[in-house]
Amino acid sequence: MRAGILAEREGDEAVTLAIASDATLTERQRATLLQIYAAFQSENQAQATPREDEKS
């Protein structure tokens, strides 16, 4: 596990900690899961925030 990997991520700390500390995953698998999790969070945040042209 890389030092500081959790500091780079946002979101539910329990989720990122569980992924980062799972000994059954390779480092590459952990990094990939954390990237996917971050992408889902970004996508959801973008959908939750109205765009300027959509505001009334």
N, C-alpha and C. Protein backbone atom coordinates (compact mmCIF):
# COMPACT_ATOMS: atom_id res chain seq x y z
N MET A 1 0.85 -1.16 0.00
CA MET A 1 0.00 0.00 0.00
C MET A 1 0.90 1.24 0.00
N ARG A 2 0.61 2.19 -0.86
CA ARG A 2 1.40 3.41 -0.94
C ARG A 2 1.03 4.34 0.19
N ALA A 3 2.02 4.97 0.74
CA ALA A 3 1.76 5.96 1.78
C ALA A 3 1.05 7.15 1.17
N GLY A 4 0.04 7.65 1.86
CA GLY A 4 -0.67 8.82 1.39
C GLY A 4 -1.74 8.57 0.37
N ILE A 5 -2.02 7.31 0.04
CA ILE A 5 -3.02 7.02 -1.00
C ILE A 5 -4.39 7.55 -0.59
N LEU A 6 -4.71 7.54 0.70
CA LEU A 6 -6.02 8.02 1.13
C LEU A 6 -6.11 9.54 1.08
N ALA A 7 -5.01 10.21 1.24
CA ALA A 7 -5.02 11.66 1.23
C ALA A 7 -5.43 12.20 -0.14
N GLU A 8 -5.22 11.44 -1.19
CA GLU A 8 -5.55 11.87 -2.54
C GLU A 8 -7.03 11.74 -2.84
N ARG A 9 -7.77 11.05 -2.02
CA ARG A 9 -9.15 10.71 -2.31
C ARG A 9 -10.12 11.46 -1.43
N GLU A 10 -11.31 11.67 -1.97
CA GLU A 10 -12.40 12.23 -1.19
C GLU A 10 -13.47 11.18 -1.09
N GLY A 11 -14.50 11.48 -0.31
CA GLY A 11 -15.62 10.56 -0.21
C GLY A 11 -15.67 9.91 1.15
N ASP A 12 -16.40 8.84 1.22
CA ASP A 12 -16.59 8.11 2.46
C ASP A 12 -15.28 7.47 2.87
N GLU A 13 -14.74 7.93 3.99
CA GLU A 13 -13.45 7.42 4.45
C GLU A 13 -13.48 5.92 4.70
N ALA A 14 -14.62 5.39 5.16
CA ALA A 14 -14.73 3.95 5.40
C ALA A 14 -14.55 3.17 4.11
N VAL A 15 -15.07 3.70 3.01
CA VAL A 15 -14.95 3.02 1.72
C VAL A 15 -13.50 3.04 1.25
N THR A 16 -12.89 4.23 1.25
CA THR A 16 -11.52 4.32 0.78
C THR A 16 -10.56 3.53 1.67
N LEU A 17 -10.80 3.54 2.97
CA LEU A 17 -9.96 2.78 3.89
C LEU A 17 -10.11 1.28 3.65
N ALA A 18 -11.34 0.83 3.45
CA ALA A 18 -11.57 -0.60 3.20
C ALA A 18 -10.87 -1.05 1.93
N ILE A 19 -10.98 -0.27 0.88
CA ILE A 19 -10.31 -0.62 -0.38
C ILE A 19 -8.80 -0.61 -0.19
N ALA A 20 -8.29 0.46 0.39
CA ALA A 20 -6.84 0.62 0.53
C ALA A 20 -6.21 -0.43 1.45
N SER A 21 -6.98 -0.95 2.40
CA SER A 21 -6.40 -1.90 3.35
C SER A 21 -6.72 -3.36 3.04
N ASP A 22 -7.42 -3.62 1.96
CA ASP A 22 -7.77 -5.01 1.62
C ASP A 22 -6.54 -5.76 1.10
N ALA A 23 -6.06 -6.67 1.91
CA ALA A 23 -4.85 -7.43 1.58
C ALA A 23 -5.06 -8.43 0.44
N THR A 24 -6.31 -8.69 0.09
CA THR A 24 -6.57 -9.65 -1.00
C THR A 24 -6.45 -9.00 -2.38
N LEU A 25 -6.31 -7.68 -2.42
CA LEU A 25 -6.20 -6.96 -3.68
C LEU A 25 -4.75 -6.59 -3.95
N THR A 26 -4.40 -6.52 -5.22
CA THR A 26 -3.08 -6.03 -5.59
C THR A 26 -3.10 -4.50 -5.52
N GLU A 27 -1.93 -3.90 -5.52
CA GLU A 27 -1.84 -2.44 -5.51
C GLU A 27 -2.57 -1.85 -6.72
N ARG A 28 -2.41 -2.48 -7.87
CA ARG A 28 -3.08 -2.00 -9.08
C ARG A 28 -4.60 -2.09 -8.94
N GLN A 29 -5.10 -3.18 -8.37
CA GLN A 29 -6.54 -3.33 -8.17
C GLN A 29 -7.07 -2.28 -7.20
N ARG A 30 -6.33 -2.03 -6.12
CA ARG A 30 -6.75 -0.99 -5.16
C ARG A 30 -6.82 0.37 -5.84
N ALA A 31 -5.77 0.72 -6.57
CA ALA A 31 -5.74 2.01 -7.24
C ALA A 31 -6.88 2.14 -8.24
N THR A 32 -7.16 1.08 -8.97
CA THR A 32 -8.23 1.10 -9.96
C THR A 32 -9.59 1.28 -9.29
N LEU A 33 -9.84 0.56 -8.22
CA LEU A 33 -11.11 0.70 -7.49
C LEU A 33 -11.27 2.11 -6.94
N LEU A 34 -10.20 2.67 -6.40
CA LEU A 34 -10.28 4.03 -5.88
C LEU A 34 -10.53 5.05 -7.00
N GLN A 35 -9.96 4.82 -8.16
CA GLN A 35 -10.20 5.70 -9.31
C GLN A 35 -11.65 5.60 -9.77
N ILE A 36 -12.18 4.40 -9.81
CA ILE A 36 -13.58 4.21 -10.21
C ILE A 36 -14.51 4.88 -9.20
N TYR A 37 -14.22 4.70 -7.92
CA TYR A 37 -15.02 5.32 -6.86
C TYR A 37 -15.01 6.85 -7.01
N ALA A 38 -13.84 7.41 -7.24
CA ALA A 38 -13.72 8.86 -7.42
C ALA A 38 -14.46 9.33 -8.66
N ALA A 39 -14.43 8.53 -9.72
CA ALA A 39 -15.15 8.90 -10.95
C ALA A 39 -16.65 8.91 -10.72
N PHE A 40 -17.17 7.93 -9.99
CA PHE A 40 -18.60 7.90 -9.67
C PHE A 40 -18.97 9.11 -8.83
N GLN A 41 -18.13 9.47 -7.86
CA GLN A 41 -18.40 10.63 -7.02
C GLN A 41 -18.44 11.91 -7.86
N SER A 42 -17.48 12.07 -8.75
CA SER A 42 -17.43 13.26 -9.61
C SER A 42 -18.66 13.33 -10.50
N GLU A 43 -19.04 12.20 -11.06
CA GLU A 43 -20.22 12.15 -11.93
C GLU A 43 -21.47 12.53 -11.15
N ASN A 44 -21.61 11.99 -9.96
CA ASN A 44 -22.79 12.30 -9.14
C ASN A 44 -22.80 13.75 -8.72
N GLN A 45 -21.64 14.30 -8.39
CA GLN A 45 -21.55 15.71 -8.00
C GLN A 45 -21.92 16.60 -9.18
N ALA A 46 -21.47 16.26 -10.37
CA ALA A 46 -21.78 17.05 -11.56
C ALA A 46 -23.28 17.03 -11.84
N GLN A 47 -23.92 15.90 -11.62
CA GLN A 47 -25.36 15.80 -11.85
C GLN A 47 -26.15 16.55 -10.78
N ALA A 48 -25.59 16.65 -9.59
CA ALA A 48 -26.29 17.31 -8.47
C ALA A 48 -26.14 18.82 -8.54
N THR A 49 -25.14 19.29 -9.24
CA THR A 49 -24.89 20.74 -9.35
C THR A 49 -25.47 21.26 -10.66
N PRO A 50 -26.48 22.14 -10.59
CA PRO A 50 -27.07 22.65 -11.83
C PRO A 50 -26.06 23.49 -12.61
N ARG A 51 -26.05 23.33 -13.90
CA ARG A 51 -25.19 24.14 -14.77
C ARG A 51 -25.74 25.55 -14.84
N GLU A 52 -24.89 26.51 -15.16
CA GLU A 52 -25.29 27.91 -15.26
C GLU A 52 -26.44 28.10 -16.26
N ASP A 53 -26.41 27.40 -17.39
CA ASP A 53 -27.45 27.58 -18.40
C ASP A 53 -28.77 26.90 -18.03
N GLU A 54 -28.75 26.08 -16.97
CA GLU A 54 -29.97 25.41 -16.53
C GLU A 54 -30.65 26.13 -15.38
N LYS A 55 -29.95 27.11 -14.77
CA LYS A 55 -30.53 27.83 -13.64
C LYS A 55 -31.59 28.79 -14.13
N SER A 56 -32.65 28.92 -13.33
CA SER A 56 -33.76 29.83 -13.69
C SER A 56 -33.79 31.02 -12.78
